[in-house]
C-alpha atoms as a PDB file:
ATOM      1  CA  MET A   1      30.645 127.491 147.775  1.00  0.00           C
ATOM      2  CA  CYS A   2      32.388 125.335 150.440  1.00  0.00           C
ATOM      3  CA  ILE A   3      33.064 127.349 153.636  1.00  0.00           C
ATOM      4  CA  VAL A   4      35.838 126.201 155.917  1.00  0.00           C
ATOM      5  CA  ARG A   5      35.952 127.232 159.531  1.00  0.00           C
ATOM      6  CA  ASN A   6      38.858 126.219 161.817  1.00  0.00           C
ATOM      7  CA  GLY A   7      39.920 123.619 159.225  1.00  0.00           C
ATOM      8  CA  LEU A   8      36.451 121.932 159.169  1.00  0.00           C
ATOM      9  CA  LYS A   9      33.585 122.346 156.637  1.00  0.00           C
ATOM     10  CA  SER A  10      30.265 123.354 158.162  1.00  0.00           C
ATOM     11  CA  LEU A  11      27.384 120.883 157.673  1.00  0.00           C
ATOM     12  CA  PRO A  12      25.433 123.116 155.290  1.00  0.00           C
ATOM     13  CA  SER A  13      28.585 123.668 153.225  1.00  0.00           C
ATOM     14  CA  MET A  14      29.297 119.983 153.061  1.00  0.00           C
ATOM     15  CA  ARG A  15      25.853 119.376 151.560  1.00  0.00           C
ATOM     16  CA  LEU A  16      26.644 121.843 148.795  1.00  0.00           C
ATOM     17  CA  CYS A  17      29.889 120.076 147.667  1.00  0.00           C
ATOM     18  CA  PRO A  18      28.972 116.544 146.395  1.00  0.00           C
ATOM     19  CA  ALA A  19      30.084 117.417 142.858  1.00  0.00           C
ATOM     20  CA  LEU A  20      33.479 118.634 144.075  1.00  0.00           C
ATOM     21  CA  ALA A  21      33.969 115.562 146.207  1.00  0.00           C
ATOM     22  CA  PHE A  22      33.075 113.304 143.211  1.00  0.00           C
ATOM     23  CA  LEU A  23      35.622 115.085 141.015  1.00  0.00           C
ATOM     24  CA  LEU A  24      38.343 114.680 143.636  1.00  0.00           C
ATOM     25  CA  LEU A  25      37.649 110.982 143.844  1.00  0.00           C
ATOM     26  CA  LEU A  26      38.015 110.666 140.040  1.00  0.00           C
ATOM     27  CA  LEU A  27      41.380 112.423 139.807  1.00  0.00           C
ATOM     28  CA  PRO A  28      43.513 109.342 140.643  1.00  0.00           C
ATOM     29  CA  ALA A  29      41.563 107.311 138.080  1.00  0.00           C
ATOM     30  CA  TRP A  30      42.162 109.894 135.359  1.00  0.00           C
ATOM     31  CA  ALA A  31      45.900 110.022 136.135  1.00  0.00           C
ATOM     32  CA  GLN A  32      46.412 106.315 136.348  1.00  0.00           C
ATOM     33  CA  PRO A  33      46.316 105.254 132.661  1.00  0.00           C
ATOM     34  CA  ASN A  34      48.983 107.737 131.573  1.00  0.00           C
ATOM     35  CA  ALA A  35      51.207 106.862 134.490  1.00  0.00           C
ATOM     36  CA  ALA A  36      50.891 103.192 133.726  1.00  0.00           C
ATOM     37  CA  ALA A  37      51.645 103.706 130.054  1.00  0.00           C
ATOM     38  CA  SER A  38      54.695 105.782 130.914  1.00  0.00           C
ATOM     39  CA  SER A  39      56.090 103.222 133.351  1.00  0.00           C
ATOM     40  CA  SER A  40      55.560 100.392 130.874  1.00  0.00           C
ATOM     41  CA  GLU A  41      57.387 101.988 127.984  1.00  0.00           C
ATOM     42  CA  GLY A  42      61.034 101.159 127.359  1.00  0.00           C
ATOM     43  CA  THR A  43      63.989 101.763 125.048  1.00  0.00           C
ATOM     44  CA  VAL A  44      64.120  99.867 121.793  1.00  0.00           C
ATOM     45  CA  THR A  45      67.620  99.270 120.327  1.00  0.00           C
ATOM     46  CA  PHE A  46      68.623  97.781 117.003  1.00  0.00           C
ATOM     47  CA  ARG A  47      72.167  96.589 116.669  1.00  0.00           C
ATOM     48  CA  PHE A  48      73.975  95.509 113.490  1.00  0.00           C
ATOM     49  CA  VAL A  49      77.450  93.853 113.318  1.00  0.00           C
ATOM     50  CA  TRP A  50      79.240  92.535 110.227  1.00  0.00           C
ATOM     51  CA  ASN A  51      82.866  93.012 109.357  1.00  0.00           C
ATOM     52  CA  ASP A  52      82.069  92.752 105.636  1.00  0.00           C
ATOM     53  CA  GLY A  53      79.151  95.126 105.966  1.00  0.00           C
ATOM     54  CA  ILE A  54      78.829  98.112 103.569  1.00  0.00           C
ATOM     55  CA  PRO A  55      78.386 100.996 104.250  1.00  0.00           C
ATOM     56  CA  TRP A  56      78.418 100.128 107.965  1.00  0.00           C
ATOM     57  CA  GLN A  57      80.441  97.474 109.718  1.00  0.00           C
ATOM     58  CA  LYS A  58      78.648  98.134 113.026  1.00  0.00           C
ATOM     59  CA  TYR A  59      75.917 100.426 114.207  1.00  0.00           C
ATOM     60  CA  SER A  60      73.190 100.748 116.869  1.00  0.00           C
ATOM     61  CA  ILE A  61      69.978 102.782 116.875  1.00  0.00           C
ATOM     62  CA  ALA A  62      68.381 103.423 120.313  1.00  0.00           C
ATOM     63  CA  VAL A  63      64.875 104.804 120.412  1.00  0.00           C
ATOM     64  CA  GLU A  64      63.561 106.287 123.716  1.00  0.00           C
ATOM     65  CA  PRO A  65      59.809 106.241 124.481  1.00  0.00           C
ATOM     66  CA  ASP A  66      59.550 109.972 123.700  1.00  0.00           C
ATOM     67  CA  GLY A  67      61.133 109.583 120.299  1.00  0.00           C
ATOM     68  CA  ARG A  68      64.634 110.759 121.161  1.00  0.00           C
ATOM     69  CA  THR A  69      66.952 108.557 119.119  1.00  0.00           C
ATOM     70  CA  ARG A  70      70.733 108.042 118.979  1.00  0.00           C
ATOM     71  CA  PHE A  71      72.689 106.511 116.116  1.00  0.00           C
ATOM     72  CA  ASP A  72      76.196 105.222 116.693  1.00  0.00           C
ATOM     73  CA  GLY A  73      78.065 103.651 113.775  1.00  0.00           C
ATOM     74  CA  ILE A  74      81.431 102.445 112.460  1.00  0.00           C
ATOM     75  CA  PRO A  75      81.618 103.029 108.677  1.00  0.00           C
ATOM     76  CA  ALA A  76      83.284 100.498 106.344  1.00  0.00           C
ATOM     77  CA  PRO A  77      86.586 101.629 104.803  1.00  0.00           C
ATOM     78  CA  ASP A  78      86.156 103.267 101.420  1.00  0.00           C
ATOM     79  CA  GLU A  79      88.129 105.140  98.730  1.00  0.00           C
ATOM     80  CA  ASN A  80      88.394 108.158 101.002  1.00  0.00           C
ATOM     81  CA  THR A  81      89.800 106.613 104.123  1.00  0.00           C
ATOM     82  CA  SER A  82      91.014 103.163 105.242  1.00  0.00           C
ATOM     83  CA  GLN A  83      90.039 103.808 108.890  1.00  0.00           C
ATOM     84  CA  PRO A  84      86.873 105.929 109.032  1.00  0.00           C
ATOM     85  CA  ASP A  85      86.048 107.766 112.303  1.00  0.00           C
ATOM     86  CA  PRO A  86      83.094 106.591 114.331  1.00  0.00           C
ATOM     87  CA  PHE A  87      79.845 108.428 113.493  1.00  0.00           C
ATOM     88  CA  GLN A  88      77.211 109.570 115.970  1.00  0.00           C
ATOM     89  CA  GLN A  89      74.038 111.577 115.583  1.00  0.00           C
ATOM     90  CA  ASP A  90      70.999 112.315 117.770  1.00  0.00           C
ATOM     91  CA  PHE A  91      67.610 113.090 116.320  1.00  0.00           C
ATOM     92  CA  ILE A  92      63.874 112.923 117.064  1.00  0.00           C
ATOM     93  CA  MET A  93      62.131 110.031 115.395  1.00  0.00           C
ATOM     94  CA  SER A  94      58.873 110.879 113.588  1.00  0.00           C
ATOM     95  CA  ASP A  95      55.744 110.134 115.519  1.00  0.00           C
ATOM     96  CA  ALA A  96      54.569 107.530 113.007  1.00  0.00           C
ATOM     97  CA  ASN A  97      57.787 105.507 113.176  1.00  0.00           C
ATOM     98  CA  ARG A  98      58.067 105.897 116.929  1.00  0.00           C
ATOM     99  CA  ARG A  99      54.553 104.428 117.321  1.00  0.00           C
ATOM    100  CA  THR A 100      55.409 101.652 114.838  1.00  0.00           C
ATOM    101  CA  VAL A 101      58.516 100.668 116.911  1.00  0.00           C
ATOM    102  CA  ALA A 102      56.634 100.693 120.191  1.00  0.00           C
ATOM    103  CA  GLU A 103      53.668  98.707 118.799  1.00  0.00           C
ATOM    104  CA  LEU A 104      55.815  96.077 117.121  1.00  0.00           C
ATOM    105  CA  ALA A 105      57.979  95.735 120.310  1.00  0.00           C
ATOM    106  CA  ARG A 106      54.770  95.011 122.294  1.00  0.00           C
ATOM    107  CA  LYS A 107      53.463  92.632 119.591  1.00  0.00           C
ATOM    108  CA  LEU A 108      56.767  90.725 119.643  1.00  0.00           C
ATOM    109  CA  ASP A 109      56.654  90.430 123.447  1.00  0.00           C
ATOM    110  CA  ALA A 110      59.669  92.712 123.969  1.00  0.00           C
ATOM    111  CA  PHE A 111      61.711  90.476 121.619  1.00  0.00           C
ATOM    112  CA  ARG A 112      61.608  87.604 124.154  1.00  0.00           C
ATOM    113  CA  GLY A 113      61.763  84.799 121.598  1.00  0.00           C
ATOM    114  CA  ASP A 114      63.860  83.167 118.858  1.00  0.00           C
ATOM    115  CA  TYR A 115      63.000  84.876 115.588  1.00  0.00           C
ATOM    116  CA  ASP A 116      65.876  83.660 113.450  1.00  0.00           C
ATOM    117  CA  SER A 117      64.829  81.536 110.468  1.00  0.00           C
ATOM    118  CA  HIS A 118      67.584  78.960 111.033  1.00  0.00           C
ATOM    119  CA  LEU A 119      67.471  78.241 107.315  1.00  0.00           C
ATOM    120  CA  LYS A 120      70.775  76.704 106.102  1.00  0.00           C
ATOM    121  CA  LYS A 121      70.842  78.214 102.648  1.00  0.00           C
ATOM    122  CA  ILE A 122      70.398  81.827 103.669  1.00  0.00           C
ATOM    123  CA  ALA A 123      73.274  84.162 102.857  1.00  0.00           C
ATOM    124  CA  GLN A 124      75.042  85.942 105.713  1.00  0.00           C
ATOM    125  CA  THR A 125      73.835  89.531 105.910  1.00  0.00           C
ATOM    126  CA  GLY A 126      75.175  90.453 109.319  1.00  0.00           C
ATOM    127  CA  SER A 127      74.169  89.852 112.939  1.00  0.00           C
ATOM    128  CA  LYS A 128      71.088  91.846 113.920  1.00  0.00           C
ATOM    129  CA  THR A 129      69.754  92.247 117.432  1.00  0.00           C
ATOM    130  CA  LEU A 130      66.520  93.783 118.601  1.00  0.00           C
ATOM    131  CA  GLU A 131      66.567  94.721 122.278  1.00  0.00           C
ATOM    132  CA  TYR A 132      63.945  96.077 124.688  1.00  0.00           C
ATOM    133  CA  ARG A 133      64.734  97.595 128.081  1.00  0.00           C
ATOM    134  CA  SER A 134      62.353  99.127 130.596  1.00  0.00           C
ATOM    135  CA  ALA A 135      62.184  99.338 134.391  1.00  0.00           C
ATOM    136  CA  THR A 136      60.269  96.074 134.513  1.00  0.00           C
ATOM    137  CA  VAL A 137      60.793  94.291 131.169  1.00  0.00           C
ATOM    138  CA  GLN A 138      63.941  93.153 129.353  1.00  0.00           C
ATOM    139  CA  GLY A 139      64.255  91.156 126.253  1.00  0.00           C
ATOM    140  CA  SER A 140      66.376  90.658 123.137  1.00  0.00           C
ATOM    141  CA  THR A 141      66.661  88.517 120.031  1.00  0.00           C
ATOM    142  CA  THR A 142      69.509  88.043 117.581  1.00  0.00           C
ATOM    143  CA  TYR A 143      69.139  86.870 114.006  1.00  0.00           C
ATOM    144  CA  ASN A 144      70.684  86.859 110.548  1.00  0.00           C
ATOM    145  CA  TYR A 145      67.396  86.555 108.721  1.00  0.00           C
ATOM    146  CA  SER A 146      63.880  86.248 110.118  1.00  0.00           C
ATOM    147  CA  GLN A 147      60.679  85.068 108.407  1.00  0.00           C
ATOM    148  CA  ASN A 148      58.592  86.946 110.945  1.00  0.00           C
ATOM    149  CA  ALA A 149      56.847  89.846 109.159  1.00  0.00           C
ATOM    150  CA  ASP A 150      57.010  92.156 112.188  1.00  0.00           C
ATOM    151  CA  VAL A 151      60.722  91.549 112.657  1.00  0.00           C
ATOM    152  CA  GLN A 152      61.228  92.183 108.974  1.00  0.00           C
ATOM    153  CA  GLN A 153      59.324  95.474 109.225  1.00  0.00           C
ATOM    154  CA  LEU A 154      61.505  96.694 112.118  1.00  0.00           C
ATOM    155  CA  THR A 155      64.705  95.551 110.355  1.00  0.00           C
ATOM    156  CA  HIS A 156      63.691  97.431 107.177  1.00  0.00           C
ATOM    157  CA  LEU A 157      62.910 100.550 109.196  1.00  0.00           C
ATOM    158  CA  PHE A 158      66.231 100.632 111.111  1.00  0.00           C
ATOM    159  CA  GLN A 159      68.263  99.725 108.010  1.00  0.00           C
ATOM    160  CA  GLY A 160      66.543 102.586 106.192  1.00  0.00           C
ATOM    161  CA  ILE A 161      67.603 104.983 108.959  1.00  0.00           C
ATOM    162  CA  ALA A 162      71.199 103.651 108.661  1.00  0.00           C
ATOM    163  CA  THR A 163      71.109 104.345 104.912  1.00  0.00           C
ATOM    164  CA  THR A 164      69.922 107.869 105.514  1.00  0.00           C
ATOM    165  CA  MET A 165      72.766 108.434 107.971  1.00  0.00           C
ATOM    166  CA  ASP A 166      75.269 107.127 105.402  1.00  0.00           C
ATOM    167  CA  TYR A 167      74.007 109.476 102.642  1.00  0.00           C
ATOM    168  CA  GLY A 168      74.018 112.406 105.068  1.00  0.00           C
ATOM    169  CA  ARG A 169      77.650 111.936 105.983  1.00  0.00           C
ATOM    170  CA  ARG A 170      78.715 111.318 102.386  1.00  0.00           C
ATOM    171  CA  LEU A 171      76.926 114.459 101.194  1.00  0.00           C
ATOM    172  CA  ALA A 172      78.622 116.449 103.866  1.00  0.00           C
ATOM    173  CA  PHE A 173      82.008 115.155 102.708  1.00  0.00           C
ATOM    174  CA  GLN A 174      81.241 115.794  99.049  1.00  0.00           C
ATOM    175  CA  TYR A 175      80.010 119.306  99.812  1.00  0.00           C
ATOM    176  CA  ARG A 176      83.470 120.135 101.077  1.00  0.00           C
ATOM    177  CA  PHE A 177      85.699 118.136  98.780  1.00  0.00           C
ATOM    178  CA  ASP A 178      83.745 116.784  95.740  1.00  0.00           C
ATOM    179  CA  LYS A 179      80.915 119.016  94.764  1.00  0.00           C
ATOM    180  CA  LEU A 180      80.888 117.740  91.208  1.00  0.00           C
ATOM    181  CA  GLY A 181      80.136 114.260  92.490  1.00  0.00           C
ATOM    182  CA  MET A 182      77.066 115.355  94.500  1.00  0.00           C
ATOM    183  CA  ASP A 183      74.731 115.054  91.487  1.00  0.00           C
ATOM    184  CA  GLU A 184      75.075 111.327  91.284  1.00  0.00           C
ATOM    185  CA  ARG A 185      74.759 110.840  95.063  1.00  0.00           C
ATOM    186  CA  LEU A 186      71.609 112.941  95.191  1.00  0.00           C
ATOM    187  CA  LYS A 187      70.063 110.968  92.265  1.00  0.00           C
ATOM    188  CA  GLN A 188      70.736 107.725  94.156  1.00  0.00           C
ATOM    189  CA  LEU A 189      69.069 109.221  97.233  1.00  0.00           C
ATOM    190  CA  GLU A 190      66.027 110.177  95.220  1.00  0.00           C
ATOM    191  CA  ASP A 191      65.749 106.668  93.831  1.00  0.00           C
ATOM    192  CA  LEU A 192      66.098 105.166  97.321  1.00  0.00           C
ATOM    193  CA  GLN A 193      63.395 107.419  98.671  1.00  0.00           C
ATOM    194  CA  ALA A 194      61.047 106.457  95.797  1.00  0.00           C
ATOM    195  CA  SER A 195      61.619 102.788  96.592  1.00  0.00           C
ATOM    196  CA  HIS A 196      61.253 103.342 100.396  1.00  0.00           C
ATOM    197  CA  GLY A 197      64.903 102.431 100.904  1.00  0.00           C
ATOM    198  CA  VAL A 198      65.525 105.377 103.275  1.00  0.00           C
ATOM    199  CA  GLU A 199      63.785 106.387 106.509  1.00  0.00           C
ATOM    200  CA  GLU A 200      63.640 109.594 108.580  1.00  0.00           C
ATOM    201  CA  LEU A 201      65.013 111.728 105.779  1.00  0.00           C
ATOM    202  CA  GLN A 202      64.398 114.860 107.910  1.00  0.00           C
ATOM    203  CA  ILE A 203      67.627 113.896 109.710  1.00  0.00           C
ATOM    204  CA  ILE A 204      69.638 115.236 106.790  1.00  0.00           C
ATOM    205  CA  ALA A 205      67.346 118.159 105.907  1.00  0.00           C
ATOM    206  CA  PRO A 206      69.975 120.702 107.078  1.00  0.00           C
ATOM    207  CA  MET A 207      72.415 119.344 104.550  1.00  0.00           C
ATOM    208  CA  LEU A 208      69.823 119.328 101.814  1.00  0.00           C
ATOM    209  CA  ARG A 209      68.859 122.903 102.596  1.00  0.00           C
ATOM    210  CA  LYS A 210      72.510 123.870 102.444  1.00  0.00           C
ATOM    211  CA  ILE A 211      72.869 122.365  98.978  1.00  0.00           C
ATOM    212  CA  TRP A 212      69.610 123.946  97.731  1.00  0.00           C
ATOM    213  CA  ASN A 213      70.600 127.376  99.032  1.00  0.00           C
ATOM    214  CA  ASP A 214      74.094 127.360  97.483  1.00  0.00           C
ATOM    215  CA  PRO A 215      74.097 129.314  94.202  1.00  0.00           C
ATOM    216  CA  ASN A 216      77.590 128.077  93.486  1.00  0.00           C
ATOM    217  CA  LEU A 217      76.500 124.419  93.015  1.00  0.00           C
ATOM    218  CA  MET A 218      75.220 122.959  89.765  1.00  0.00           C
ATOM    219  CA  ASN A 219      71.545 123.587  89.298  1.00  0.00           C
ATOM    220  CA  ILE A 220      70.875 119.857  88.780  1.00  0.00           C
ATOM    221  CA  SER A 221      72.198 119.083  92.255  1.00  0.00           C
ATOM    222  CA  ARG A 222      70.210 121.940  93.811  1.00  0.00           C
ATOM    223  CA  GLU A 223      67.057 120.766  92.143  1.00  0.00           C
ATOM    224  CA  SER A 224      67.544 117.238  93.455  1.00  0.00           C
ATOM    225  CA  ALA A 225      67.979 118.658  96.988  1.00  0.00           C
ATOM    226  CA  ARG A 226      64.849 120.763  96.500  1.00  0.00           C
ATOM    227  CA  ARG A 227      62.752 117.789  95.419  1.00  0.00           C
ATOM    228  CA  LEU A 228      63.868 115.804  98.412  1.00  0.00           C
ATOM    229  CA  LEU A 229      63.117 118.714 100.727  1.00  0.00           C
ATOM    230  CA  VAL A 230      59.605 119.080  99.364  1.00  0.00           C
ATOM    231  CA  THR A 231      58.788 115.596 100.466  1.00  0.00           C
ATOM    232  CA  ILE A 232      59.780 116.214 104.069  1.00  0.00           C
ATOM    233  CA  GLU A 233      59.096 119.914 104.650  1.00  0.00           C
ATOM    234  CA  PRO A 234      56.072 122.200 104.098  1.00  0.00           C
ATOM    235  CA  PRO A 235      56.146 124.238 100.838  1.00  0.00           C
ATOM    236  CA  ALA A 236      56.274 127.482 102.800  1.00  0.00           C
ATOM    237  CA  ASN A 237      59.666 126.530 104.334  1.00  0.00           C
ATOM    238  CA  PRO A 238      62.353 129.152 103.703  1.00  0.00           C
ATOM    239  CA  ALA A 239      64.367 126.401 101.952  1.00  0.00           C
ATOM    240  CA  GLN A 240      61.911 126.863  99.014  1.00  0.00           C
ATOM    241  CA  ASN A 241      63.179 130.407  98.491  1.00  0.00           C
ATOM    242  CA  PRO A 242      66.925 130.314  98.145  1.00  0.00           C
ATOM    243  CA  ALA A 243      69.056 133.372  97.608  1.00  0.00           C
ATOM    244  CA  ARG A 244      69.770 133.937  93.940  1.00  0.00           C
END
């Protein structure tokens, strides 16, 4: 034990404390990697703009280093409304996708480069921007179509999230006003999930649980919702045992 008298260690006590002194010297080294990683991480944002875009004319998805994510979108007009209201939703991105976004942002040098293909015979599919912002690094790149595999992977991921958001808002509308039409919408969602056309399906899990737990809905719709929930939630989840 180290004995301190009048603020000073006695010489015998100081000889007994080399291990403690060594540990104290190591503490800054242990803390440094995490602090450095935290300070180097930034926000990754994907932006899409296209007046002819369906189902979204404009949207952005901003991913914070801890996985907190915000979606802001302007839907395209449809049969239900000629001027849809803006749509916003916050969620926590899955760890796997959060890591993918961070790793690809680093691999692409924080998007500091020209990744557009510049091919003349490529159809217009909307302006897309990948943006990185941290305390020390800023970068962005805008493209219509990119031949870079990493940019393609990020684009597919963010567009999959936008598709999930669209189906979530449409299912919420149909649950209120068009329950008979939900069957077809849910079948489409199942097909999209099977083909990896949607991402972060847990975002709309509350809506899917609501459908599954509603005994007044057609059984075929409820079963579609149940199958989707099974892929994103543990089997023991209460959603697996709806009230009859």
